[in-house]
């Protein structure tokens, strides 16, 4: 009985790690290789990242798309300037 519970817990933890890794990989692809800064999934993932990751991601997007309006999550208070 205890072994089964431990196996289930380990399986759930493994799936959670794989899911988070896939999500972080998708976010990394968005900030480093997206064709547009307005990819909806990328924006959503970027806004959910911790501040230090979001700031780095916005910096990467700004380097590539600095002449366009920043996507949601990469703006200052006025909504027009990059973070």
Foldseek 3Di string as FASTA:
>chain_A
DVVVVVVVVVVVVVVVVVVVVVLVVVLVCQLAPDPDQVDPSNLVSLQPDPPVSNLVSLVSNCVVPVVDAHDPSQDDPVRGHGD
